[in-house]
Amino acid sequence: AMYVDQVDQHTAVLTVRETLKFAYECFGGSASAAKVISSSTTANEATEEEKAKIQEQLDHFPDFVIHNLALDRAADTVVGNDMVRGVSGGEKKRVTSGEMLMGRR
């Protein structure tokens, strides 16, 4: 379960991709990904090459979320607000959901 606010509060001038990457870094980003790798039970047995591959996949997590929330076409569009035209209301809701998913790795 996760909490998603009813009011979308975004920085209007950031694109969808920038918004999700910012959320990813705020939730620990690459540093958190390194912890996941080091604490994994299989990580002890993994080669450096396998660890690097896992790190690369975790670094692309925002792009994975963009794709799975069907935000590919809007990824480089500003989120917008009442003063700045941006993504649609449905896309904005999915951006909010994507932000919440950044903390659930």
PDB file of N, CA and C in Angstrom:
ATOM      1  N   ALA A   1       0.842  -1.178   0.000  1.00  0.00           N
ATOM      2  CA  ALA A   1       0.000   0.000   0.000  1.00  0.00           C
ATOM      3  C   ALA A   1       0.882   1.234   0.000  1.00  0.00           C
ATOM      4  N   MET A   2       0.379   2.277  -0.636  1.00  0.00           N
ATOM      5  CA  MET A   2       1.105   3.538  -0.612  1.00  0.00           C
ATOM      6  C   MET A   2       0.113   4.684  -0.592  1.00  0.00           C
ATOM      7  N   TYR A   3       0.531   5.786  -0.021  1.00  0.00           N
ATOM      8  CA  TYR A   3      -0.294   6.976   0.071  1.00  0.00           C
ATOM      9  C   TYR A   3      -0.006   7.865  -1.124  1.00  0.00           C
ATOM     10  N   VAL A   4      -1.053   8.263  -1.839  1.00  0.00           N
ATOM     11  CA  VAL A   4      -0.916   9.203  -2.943  1.00  0.00           C
ATOM     12  C   VAL A   4      -1.843  10.369  -2.661  1.00  0.00           C
ATOM     13  N   ASP A   5      -1.263  11.550  -2.535  1.00  0.00           N
ATOM     14  CA  ASP A   5      -2.020  12.756  -2.218  1.00  0.00           C
ATOM     15  C   ASP A   5      -3.059  13.052  -3.303  1.00  0.00           C
ATOM     16  N   GLN A   6      -4.191  13.604  -2.910  1.00  0.00           N
ATOM     17  CA  GLN A   6      -5.243  13.958  -3.859  1.00  0.00           C
ATOM     18  C   GLN A   6      -4.877  15.192  -4.676  1.00  0.00           C
ATOM     19  N   VAL A   7      -4.014  16.038  -4.114  1.00  0.00           N
ATOM     20  CA  VAL A   7      -3.593  17.261  -4.794  1.00  0.00           C
ATOM     21  C   VAL A   7      -2.207  17.026  -5.382  1.00  0.00           C
ATOM     22  N   ASP A   8      -2.083  17.228  -6.689  1.00  0.00           N
ATOM     23  CA  ASP A   8      -0.786  17.052  -7.344  1.00  0.00           C
ATOM     24  C   ASP A   8       0.075  18.281  -7.080  1.00  0.00           C
ATOM     25  N   GLN A   9       1.168  18.104  -6.373  1.00  0.00           N
ATOM     26  CA  GLN A   9       2.073  19.206  -6.057  1.00  0.00           C
ATOM     27  C   GLN A   9       3.410  18.935  -6.725  1.00  0.00           C
ATOM     28  N   HIS A  10       3.637  19.608  -7.837  1.00  0.00           N
ATOM     29  CA  HIS A  10       4.856  19.401  -8.613  1.00  0.00           C
ATOM     30  C   HIS A  10       5.508  20.739  -8.909  1.00  0.00           C
ATOM     31  N   THR A  11       6.793  20.697  -9.241  1.00  0.00           N
ATOM     32  CA  THR A  11       7.472  21.876  -9.761  1.00  0.00           C
ATOM     33  C   THR A  11       7.095  21.960 -11.231  1.00  0.00           C
ATOM     34  N   ALA A  12       6.360  23.006 -11.587  1.00  0.00           N
ATOM     35  CA  ALA A  12       5.735  23.102 -12.905  1.00  0.00           C
ATOM     36  C   ALA A  12       6.722  23.104 -14.065  1.00  0.00           C
ATOM     37  N   VAL A  13       7.924  23.617 -13.860  1.00  0.00           N
ATOM     38  CA  VAL A  13       8.860  23.770 -14.978  1.00  0.00           C
ATOM     39  C   VAL A  13       9.758  22.552 -15.199  1.00  0.00           C
ATOM     40  N   LEU A  14       9.643  21.544 -14.345  1.00  0.00           N
ATOM     41  CA  LEU A  14      10.409  20.313 -14.556  1.00  0.00           C
ATOM     42  C   LEU A  14       9.644  19.385 -15.492  1.00  0.00           C
ATOM     43  N   THR A  15      10.375  18.649 -16.306  1.00  0.00           N
ATOM     44  CA  THR A  15       9.720  17.660 -17.162  1.00  0.00           C
ATOM     45  C   THR A  15       9.327  16.450 -16.311  1.00  0.00           C
ATOM     46  N   VAL A  16       8.548  15.577 -16.886  1.00  0.00           N
ATOM     47  CA  VAL A  16       8.143  14.349 -16.193  1.00  0.00           C
ATOM     48  C   VAL A  16       9.389  13.551 -15.803  1.00  0.00           C
ATOM     49  N   ARG A  17      10.328  13.397 -16.732  1.00  0.00           N
ATOM     50  CA  ARG A  17      11.557  12.640 -16.470  1.00  0.00           C
ATOM     51  C   ARG A  17      12.368  13.293 -15.353  1.00  0.00           C
ATOM     52  N   GLU A  18      12.524  14.619 -15.398  1.00  0.00           N
ATOM     53  CA  GLU A  18      13.274  15.332 -14.358  1.00  0.00           C
ATOM     54  C   GLU A  18      12.603  15.184 -13.000  1.00  0.00           C
ATOM     55  N   THR A  19      11.279  15.245 -12.981  1.00  0.00           N
ATOM     56  CA  THR A  19      10.530  15.107 -11.730  1.00  0.00           C
ATOM     57  C   THR A  19      10.770  13.741 -11.102  1.00  0.00           C
ATOM     58  N   LEU A  20      10.688  12.688 -11.908  1.00  0.00           N
ATOM     59  CA  LEU A  20      10.873  11.340 -11.372  1.00  0.00           C
ATOM     60  C   LEU A  20      12.328  11.066 -10.999  1.00  0.00           C
ATOM     61  N   LYS A  21      13.274  11.605 -11.758  1.00  0.00           N
ATOM     62  CA  LYS A  21      14.686  11.431 -11.394  1.00  0.00           C
ATOM     63  C   LYS A  21      15.007  12.183 -10.105  1.00  0.00           C
ATOM     64  N   PHE A  22      14.406  13.366  -9.934  1.00  0.00           N
ATOM     65  CA  PHE A  22      14.600  14.126  -8.695  1.00  0.00           C
ATOM     66  C   PHE A  22      14.038  13.341  -7.510  1.00  0.00           C
ATOM     67  N   ALA A  23      12.843  12.782  -7.670  1.00  0.00           N
ATOM     68  CA  ALA A  23      12.240  11.976  -6.599  1.00  0.00           C
ATOM     69  C   ALA A  23      13.112  10.762  -6.294  1.00  0.00           C
ATOM     70  N   TYR A  24      13.656  10.138  -7.329  1.00  0.00           N
ATOM     71  CA  TYR A  24      14.536   8.973  -7.158  1.00  0.00           C
ATOM     72  C   TYR A  24      15.748   9.342  -6.304  1.00  0.00           C
ATOM     73  N   GLU A  25      16.368  10.472  -6.610  1.00  0.00           N
ATOM     74  CA  GLU A  25      17.545  10.908  -5.846  1.00  0.00           C
ATOM     75  C   GLU A  25      17.162  11.303  -4.419  1.00  0.00           C
ATOM     76  N   CYS A  26      15.994  11.904  -4.248  1.00  0.00           N
ATOM     77  CA  CYS A  26      15.548  12.281  -2.896  1.00  0.00           C
ATOM     78  C   CYS A  26      15.310  11.048  -2.017  1.00  0.00           C
ATOM     79  N   PHE A  27      14.904   9.955  -2.626  1.00  0.00           N
ATOM     80  CA  PHE A  27      14.678   8.715  -1.880  1.00  0.00           C
ATOM     81  C   PHE A  27      15.946   7.869  -1.773  1.00  0.00           C
ATOM     82  N   GLY A  28      17.079   8.434  -2.109  1.00  0.00           N
ATOM     83  CA  GLY A  28      18.347   7.720  -1.948  1.00  0.00           C
ATOM     84  C   GLY A  28      19.048   7.397  -3.242  1.00  0.00           C
ATOM     85  N   GLY A  29      18.303   7.293  -4.322  1.00  0.00           N
ATOM     86  CA  GLY A  29      18.872   7.089  -5.649  1.00  0.00           C
ATOM     87  C   GLY A  29      19.955   6.044  -5.734  1.00  0.00           C
ATOM     88  N   SER A  30      21.070   6.439  -6.306  1.00  0.00           N
ATOM     89  CA  SER A  30      22.190   5.524  -6.541  1.00  0.00           C
ATOM     90  C   SER A  30      22.766   4.975  -5.249  1.00  0.00           C
ATOM     91  N   ALA A  31      22.814   5.800  -4.210  1.00  0.00           N
ATOM     92  CA  ALA A  31      23.348   5.340  -2.922  1.00  0.00           C
ATOM     93  C   ALA A  31      22.477   4.223  -2.362  1.00  0.00           C
ATOM     94  N   SER A  32      21.173   4.375  -2.488  1.00  0.00           N
ATOM     95  CA  SER A  32      20.243   3.351  -2.024  1.00  0.00           C
ATOM     96  C   SER A  32      20.386   2.081  -2.856  1.00  0.00           C
ATOM     97  N   ALA A  33      20.603   2.260  -4.151  1.00  0.00           N
ATOM     98  CA  ALA A  33      20.787   1.105  -5.034  1.00  0.00           C
ATOM     99  C   ALA A  33      22.017   0.305  -4.624  1.00  0.00           C
ATOM    100  N   ALA A  34      23.079   0.995  -4.247  1.00  0.00           N
ATOM    101  CA  ALA A  34      24.299   0.308  -3.806  1.00  0.00           C
ATOM    102  C   ALA A  34      24.035  -0.498  -2.536  1.00  0.00           C
ATOM    103  N   LYS A  35      23.208   0.042  -1.633  1.00  0.00           N
ATOM    104  CA  LYS A  35      22.862  -0.687  -0.408  1.00  0.00           C
ATOM    105  C   LYS A  35      22.068  -1.947  -0.732  1.00  0.00           C
ATOM    106  N   VAL A  36      21.154  -1.831  -1.695  1.00  0.00           N
ATOM    107  CA  VAL A  36      20.350  -2.992  -2.096  1.00  0.00           C
ATOM    108  C   VAL A  36      21.263  -4.099  -2.603  1.00  0.00           C
ATOM    109  N   ILE A  37      22.237  -3.719  -3.405  1.00  0.00           N
ATOM    110  CA  ILE A  37      23.157  -4.710  -3.969  1.00  0.00           C
ATOM    111  C   ILE A  37      23.989  -5.360  -2.871  1.00  0.00           C
ATOM    112  N   SER A  38      24.519  -4.551  -1.966  1.00  0.00           N
ATOM    113  CA  SER A  38      25.406  -5.102  -0.934  1.00  0.00           C
ATOM    114  C   SER A  38      24.659  -5.942   0.101  1.00  0.00           C
ATOM    115  N   SER A  39      23.369  -5.645   0.331  1.00  0.00           N
ATOM    116  CA  SER A  39      22.620  -6.393   1.341  1.00  0.00           C
ATOM    117  C   SER A  39      21.908  -7.623   0.781  1.00  0.00           C
ATOM    118  N   SER A  40      21.892  -7.746  -0.523  1.00  0.00           N
ATOM    119  CA  SER A  40      21.226  -8.882  -1.156  1.00  0.00           C
ATOM    120  C   SER A  40      21.952 -10.184  -0.821  1.00  0.00           C
ATOM    121  N   THR A  41      21.178 -11.230  -0.585  1.00  0.00           N
ATOM    122  CA  THR A  41      21.788 -12.531  -0.260  1.00  0.00           C
ATOM    123  C   THR A  41      22.555 -13.089  -1.449  1.00  0.00           C
ATOM    124  N   THR A  42      22.089 -12.787  -2.648  1.00  0.00           N
ATOM    125  CA  THR A  42      22.798 -13.278  -3.832  1.00  0.00           C
ATOM    126  C   THR A  42      23.979 -12.394  -4.191  1.00  0.00           C
ATOM    127  N   ALA A  43      24.036 -11.184  -3.618  1.00  0.00           N
ATOM    128  CA  ALA A  43      25.126 -10.267  -3.947  1.00  0.00           C
ATOM    129  C   ALA A  43      26.474 -10.814  -3.505  1.00  0.00           C
ATOM    130  N   ASN A  44      26.489 -11.570  -2.428  1.00  0.00           N
ATOM    131  CA  ASN A  44      27.745 -12.142  -1.952  1.00  0.00           C
ATOM    132  C   ASN A  44      28.333 -13.111  -2.972  1.00  0.00           C
ATOM    133  N   GLU A  45      27.464 -13.746  -3.729  1.00  0.00           N
ATOM    134  CA  GLU A  45      27.907 -14.723  -4.718  1.00  0.00           C
ATOM    135  C   GLU A  45      28.058 -14.109  -6.105  1.00  0.00           C
ATOM    136  N   ALA A  46      27.565 -12.885  -6.290  1.00  0.00           N
ATOM    137  CA  ALA A  46      27.575 -12.249  -7.604  1.00  0.00           C
ATOM    138  C   ALA A  46      28.970 -11.736  -7.955  1.00  0.00           C
ATOM    139  N   THR A  47      29.277 -11.795  -9.233  1.00  0.00           N
ATOM    140  CA  THR A  47      30.549 -11.254  -9.704  1.00  0.00           C
ATOM    141  C   THR A  47      30.432  -9.739  -9.797  1.00  0.00           C
ATOM    142  N   GLU A  48      31.557  -9.081  -9.964  1.00  0.00           N
ATOM    143  CA  GLU A  48      31.544  -7.620 -10.107  1.00  0.00           C
ATOM    144  C   GLU A  48      30.750  -7.206 -11.342  1.00  0.00           C
ATOM    145  N   GLU A  49      30.835  -8.008 -12.391  1.00  0.00           N
ATOM    146  CA  GLU A  49      30.091  -7.714 -13.618  1.00  0.00           C
ATOM    147  C   GLU A  49      28.583  -7.784 -13.362  1.00  0.00           C
ATOM    148  N   GLU A  50      28.140  -8.785 -12.618  1.00  0.00           N
ATOM    149  CA  GLU A  50      26.717  -8.921 -12.287  1.00  0.00           C
ATOM    150  C   GLU A  50      26.263  -7.773 -11.397  1.00  0.00           C
ATOM    151  N   LYS A  51      27.106  -7.389 -10.433  1.00  0.00           N
ATOM    152  CA  LYS A  51      26.771  -6.261  -9.559  1.00  0.00           C
ATOM    153  C   LYS A  51      26.644  -4.973 -10.364  1.00  0.00           C
ATOM    154  N   ALA A  52      27.535  -4.780 -11.338  1.00  0.00           N
ATOM    155  CA  ALA A  52      27.480  -3.586 -12.189  1.00  0.00           C
ATOM    156  C   ALA A  52      26.193  -3.574 -13.010  1.00  0.00           C
ATOM    157  N   LYS A  53      25.773  -4.749 -13.470  1.00  0.00           N
ATOM    158  CA  LYS A  53      24.534  -4.847 -14.253  1.00  0.00           C
ATOM    159  C   LYS A  53      23.319  -4.502 -13.386  1.00  0.00           C
ATOM    160  N   ILE A  54      23.309  -5.000 -12.154  1.00  0.00           N
ATOM    161  CA  ILE A  54      22.218  -4.679 -11.225  1.00  0.00           C
ATOM    162  C   ILE A  54      22.197  -3.183 -10.945  1.00  0.00           C
ATOM    163  N   GLN A  55      23.382  -2.594 -10.719  1.00  0.00           N
ATOM    164  CA  GLN A  55      23.481  -1.155 -10.459  1.00  0.00           C
ATOM    165  C   GLN A  55      22.925  -0.360 -11.635  1.00  0.00           C
ATOM    166  N   GLU A  56      23.263  -0.775 -12.852  1.00  0.00           N
ATOM    167  CA  GLU A  56      22.784  -0.084 -14.047  1.00  0.00           C
ATOM    168  C   GLU A  56      21.258  -0.157 -14.141  1.00  0.00           C
ATOM    169  N   GLN A  57      20.703  -1.328 -13.831  1.00  0.00           N
ATOM    170  CA  GLN A  57      19.248  -1.480 -13.876  1.00  0.00           C
ATOM    171  C   GLN A  57      18.571  -0.582 -12.848  1.00  0.00           C
ATOM    172  N   LEU A  58      19.130  -0.513 -11.648  1.00  0.00           N
ATOM    173  CA  LEU A  58      18.543   0.333 -10.611  1.00  0.00           C
ATOM    174  C   LEU A  58      18.690   1.809 -10.951  1.00  0.00           C
ATOM    175  N   ASP A  59      19.784   2.181 -11.631  1.00  0.00           N
ATOM    176  CA  ASP A  59      19.970   3.571 -12.040  1.00  0.00           C
ATOM    177  C   ASP A  59      18.939   3.989 -13.084  1.00  0.00           C
ATOM    178  N   HIS A  60      18.406   3.030 -13.834  1.00  0.00           N
ATOM    179  CA  HIS A  60      17.391   3.322 -14.850  1.00  0.00           C
ATOM    180  C   HIS A  60      15.970   3.121 -14.320  1.00  0.00           C
ATOM    181  N   PHE A  61      15.831   3.002 -13.021  1.00  0.00           N
ATOM    182  CA  PHE A  61      14.511   2.790 -12.418  1.00  0.00           C
ATOM    183  C   PHE A  61      13.506   3.888 -12.791  1.00  0.00           C
ATOM    184  N   PRO A  62      13.902   5.189 -12.790  1.00  0.00           N
ATOM    185  CA  PRO A  62      12.924   6.208 -13.208  1.00  0.00           C
ATOM    186  C   PRO A  62      12.401   5.980 -14.626  1.00  0.00           C
ATOM    187  N   ASP A  63      13.272   5.574 -15.550  1.00  0.00           N
ATOM    188  CA  ASP A  63      12.832   5.303 -16.921  1.00  0.00           C
ATOM    189  C   ASP A  63      11.911   4.083 -16.978  1.00  0.00           C
ATOM    190  N   PHE A  64      12.181   3.098 -16.139  1.00  0.00           N
ATOM    191  CA  PHE A  64      11.326   1.915 -16.034  1.00  0.00           C
ATOM    192  C   PHE A  64       9.919   2.322 -15.579  1.00  0.00           C
ATOM    193  N   VAL A  65       9.847   3.202 -14.581  1.00  0.00           N
ATOM    194  CA  VAL A  65       8.554   3.674 -14.066  1.00  0.00           C
ATOM    195  C   VAL A  65       7.831   4.493 -15.130  1.00  0.00           C
ATOM    196  N   ILE A  66       8.560   5.354 -15.840  1.00  0.00           N
ATOM    197  CA  ILE A  66       7.958   6.148 -16.917  1.00  0.00           C
ATOM    198  C   ILE A  66       7.302   5.223 -17.935  1.00  0.00           C
ATOM    199  N   HIS A  67       8.002   4.188 -18.324  1.00  0.00           N
ATOM    200  CA  HIS A  67       7.462   3.251 -19.318  1.00  0.00           C
ATOM    201  C   HIS A  67       6.235   2.514 -18.781  1.00  0.00           C
ATOM    202  N   ASN A  68       6.315   2.034 -17.544  1.00  0.00           N
ATOM    203  CA  ASN A  68       5.217   1.245 -16.979  1.00  0.00           C
ATOM    204  C   ASN A  68       3.988   2.073 -16.635  1.00  0.00           C
ATOM    205  N   LEU A  69       4.149   3.375 -16.459  1.00  0.00           N
ATOM    206  CA  LEU A  69       2.994   4.244 -16.216  1.00  0.00           C
ATOM    207  C   LEU A  69       2.506   4.896 -17.511  1.00  0.00           C
ATOM    208  N   ALA A  70       2.999   4.413 -18.640  1.00  0.00           N
ATOM    209  CA  ALA A  70       2.608   4.917 -19.963  1.00  0.00           C
ATOM    210  C   ALA A  70       2.825   6.421 -20.077  1.00  0.00           C
ATOM    211  N   LEU A  71       3.980   6.875 -19.602  1.00  0.00           N
ATOM    212  CA  LEU A  71       4.329   8.293 -19.679  1.00  0.00           C
ATOM    213  C   LEU A  71       5.432   8.538 -20.708  1.00  0.00           C
ATOM    214  N   ASP A  72       5.689   7.576 -21.580  1.00  0.00           N
ATOM    215  CA  ASP A  72       6.767   7.699 -22.565  1.00  0.00           C
ATOM    216  C   ASP A  72       6.615   8.945 -23.435  1.00  0.00           C
ATOM    217  N   ARG A  73       5.414   9.182 -23.927  1.00  0.00           N
ATOM    218  CA  ARG A  73       5.193  10.333 -24.815  1.00  0.00           C
ATOM    219  C   ARG A  73       5.293  11.662 -24.082  1.00  0.00           C
ATOM    220  N   ALA A  74       5.024  11.648 -22.782  1.00  0.00           N
ATOM    221  CA  ALA A  74       5.049  12.885 -21.995  1.00  0.00           C
ATOM    222  C   ALA A  74       6.349  13.061 -21.218  1.00  0.00           C
ATOM    223  N   ALA A  75       7.296  12.147 -21.367  1.00  0.00           N
ATOM    224  CA  ALA A  75       8.506  12.145 -20.534  1.00  0.00           C
ATOM    225  C   ALA A  75       9.298  13.443 -20.616  1.00  0.00           C
ATOM    226  N   ASP A  76       9.319  14.085 -21.776  1.00  0.00           N
ATOM    227  CA  ASP A  76      10.105  15.308 -21.937  1.00  0.00           C
ATOM    228  C   ASP A  76       9.229  16.555 -22.006  1.00  0.00           C
ATOM    229  N   THR A  77       8.009  16.445 -21.512  1.00  0.00           N
ATOM    230  CA  THR A  77       7.079  17.569 -21.426  1.00  0.00           C
ATOM    231  C   THR A  77       7.059  18.069 -19.991  1.00  0.00           C
ATOM    232  N   VAL A  78       7.003  19.412 -19.827  1.00  0.00           N
ATOM    233  CA  VAL A  78       6.937  19.943 -18.463  1.00  0.00           C
ATOM    234  C   VAL A  78       5.641  19.492 -17.810  1.00  0.00           C
ATOM    235  N   VAL A  79       5.684  19.345 -16.497  1.00  0.00           N
ATOM    236  CA  VAL A  79       4.501  18.903 -15.763  1.00  0.00           C
ATOM    237  C   VAL A  79       3.429  19.979 -15.825  1.00  0.00           C
ATOM    238  N   GLY A  80       3.817  21.230 -15.595  1.00  0.00           N
ATOM    239  CA  GLY A  80       2.886  22.350 -15.713  1.00  0.00           C
ATOM    240  C   GLY A  80       2.040  22.575 -14.476  1.00  0.00           C
ATOM    241  N   ASN A  81       1.273  23.662 -14.529  1.00  0.00           N
ATOM    242  CA  ASN A  81       0.325  24.023 -13.469  1.00  0.00           C
ATOM    243  C   ASN A  81      -0.719  24.959 -14.073  1.00  0.00           C
ATOM    244  N   ASP A  82      -1.374  25.768 -13.252  1.00  0.00           N
ATOM    245  CA  ASP A  82      -2.401  26.682 -13.759  1.00  0.00           C
ATOM    246  C   ASP A  82      -1.823  27.758 -14.673  1.00  0.00           C
ATOM    247  N   MET A  83      -0.561  28.097 -14.488  1.00  0.00           N
ATOM    248  CA  MET A  83       0.070  29.165 -15.268  1.00  0.00           C
ATOM    249  C   MET A  83       0.925  28.637 -16.425  1.00  0.00           C
ATOM    250  N   VAL A  84       1.398  27.426 -16.321  1.00  0.00           N
ATOM    251  CA  VAL A  84       2.280  26.834 -17.335  1.00  0.00           C
ATOM    252  C   VAL A  84       1.594  25.606 -17.911  1.00  0.00           C
ATOM    253  N   ARG A  85       1.384  25.621 -19.224  1.00  0.00           N
ATOM    254  CA  ARG A  85       0.736  24.476 -19.862  1.00  0.00           C
ATOM    255  C   ARG A  85       1.686  23.282 -19.850  1.00  0.00           C
ATOM    256  N   GLY A  86       1.167  22.140 -19.448  1.00  0.00           N
ATOM    257  CA  GLY A  86       2.004  20.943 -19.357  1.00  0.00           C
ATOM    258  C   GLY A  86       1.231  19.698 -19.714  1.00  0.00           C
ATOM    259  N   VAL A  87       1.504  18.630 -19.009  1.00  0.00           N
ATOM    260  CA  VAL A  87       0.866  17.342 -19.281  1.00  0.00           C
ATOM    261  C   VAL A  87      -0.614  17.380 -18.896  1.00  0.00           C
ATOM    262  N   SER A  88      -1.359  16.387 -19.358  1.00  0.00           N
ATOM    263  CA  SER A  88      -2.793  16.321 -19.050  1.00  0.00           C
ATOM    264  C   SER A  88      -3.009  15.960 -17.582  1.00  0.00           C
ATOM    265  N   GLY A  89      -4.238  16.067 -17.133  1.00  0.00           N
ATOM    266  CA  GLY A  89      -4.565  15.747 -15.744  1.00  0.00           C
ATOM    267  C   GLY A  89      -4.297  14.296 -15.392  1.00  0.00           C
ATOM    268  N   GLY A  90      -4.631  13.384 -16.304  1.00  0.00           N
ATOM    269  CA  GLY A  90      -4.377  11.959 -16.068  1.00  0.00           C
ATOM    270  C   GLY A  90      -2.893  11.657 -16.008  1.00  0.00           C
ATOM    271  N   GLU A  91      -2.130  12.300 -16.895  1.00  0.00           N
ATOM    272  CA  GLU A  91      -0.677  12.110 -16.875  1.00  0.00           C
ATOM    273  C   GLU A  91      -0.082  12.670 -15.590  1.00  0.00           C
ATOM    274  N   LYS A  92      -0.622  13.785 -15.142  1.00  0.00           N
ATOM    275  CA  LYS A  92      -0.121  14.394 -13.907  1.00  0.00           C
ATOM    276  C   LYS A  92      -0.370  13.463 -12.715  1.00  0.00           C
ATOM    277  N   LYS A  93      -1.525  12.808 -12.691  1.00  0.00           N
ATOM    278  CA  LYS A  93      -1.816  11.843 -11.622  1.00  0.00           C
ATOM    279  C   LYS A  93      -0.819  10.683 -11.664  1.00  0.00           C
ATOM    280  N   ARG A  94      -0.488  10.232 -12.874  1.00  0.00           N
ATOM    281  CA  ARG A  94       0.477   9.137 -12.999  1.00  0.00           C
ATOM    282  C   ARG A  94       1.879   9.579 -12.593  1.00  0.00           C
ATOM    283  N   VAL A  95       2.216  10.855 -12.831  1.00  0.00           N
ATOM    284  CA  VAL A  95       3.504  11.385 -12.361  1.00  0.00           C
ATOM    285  C   VAL A  95       3.536  11.344 -10.836  1.00  0.00           C
ATOM    286  N   THR A  96       2.437  11.737 -10.197  1.00  0.00           N
ATOM    287  CA  THR A  96       2.356  11.689  -8.733  1.00  0.00           C
ATOM    288  C   THR A  96       2.541  10.256  -8.238  1.00  0.00           C
ATOM    289  N   SER A  97       1.884   9.302  -8.883  1.00  0.00           N
ATOM    290  CA  SER A  97       2.043   7.890  -8.506  1.00  0.00           C
ATOM    291  C   SER A  97       3.483   7.442  -8.709  1.00  0.00           C
ATOM    292  N   GLY A  98       4.091   7.883  -9.798  1.00  0.00           N
ATOM    293  CA  GLY A  98       5.486   7.545 -10.071  1.00  0.00           C
ATOM    294  C   GLY A  98       6.427   8.076  -9.010  1.00  0.00           C
ATOM    295  N   GLU A  99       6.155   9.277  -8.529  1.00  0.00           N
ATOM    296  CA  GLU A  99       6.977   9.842  -7.450  1.00  0.00           C
ATOM    297  C   GLU A  99       6.902   8.966  -6.208  1.00  0.00           C
ATOM    298  N   MET A 100       5.712   8.491  -5.896  1.00  0.00           N
ATOM    299  CA  MET A 100       5.553   7.641  -4.716  1.00  0.00           C
ATOM    300  C   MET A 100       6.258   6.297  -4.905  1.00  0.00           C
ATOM    301  N   LEU A 101       6.282   5.799  -6.133  1.00  0.00           N
ATOM    302  CA  LEU A 101       6.950   4.524  -6.409  1.00  0.00           C
ATOM    303  C   LEU A 101       8.469   4.617  -6.264  1.00  0.00           C
ATOM    304  N   MET A 102       9.026   5.801  -6.374  1.00  0.00           N
ATOM    305  CA  MET A 102      10.481   5.958  -6.279  1.00  0.00           C
ATOM    306  C   MET A 102      11.014   5.516  -4.915  1.00  0.00           C
ATOM    307  N   GLY A 103      10.182   5.592  -3.896  1.00  0.00           N
ATOM    308  CA  GLY A 103      10.623   5.188  -2.564  1.00  0.00           C
ATOM    309  C   GLY A 103      10.378   3.721  -2.271  1.00  0.00           C
ATOM    310  N   ARG A 104       9.747   3.005  -3.199  1.00  0.00           N
ATOM    311  CA  ARG A 104       9.379   1.597  -2.965  1.00  0.00           C
ATOM    312  C   ARG A 104      10.240   0.674  -3.818  1.00  0.00           C
ATOM    313  N   ARG A 105      11.516   0.555  -3.466  1.00  0.00           N
ATOM    314  CA  ARG A 105      12.396  -0.350  -4.219  1.00  0.00           C
ATOM    315  C   ARG A 105      12.811  -1.486  -3.348  1.00  0.00           C
TER     316      ARG A 105
END
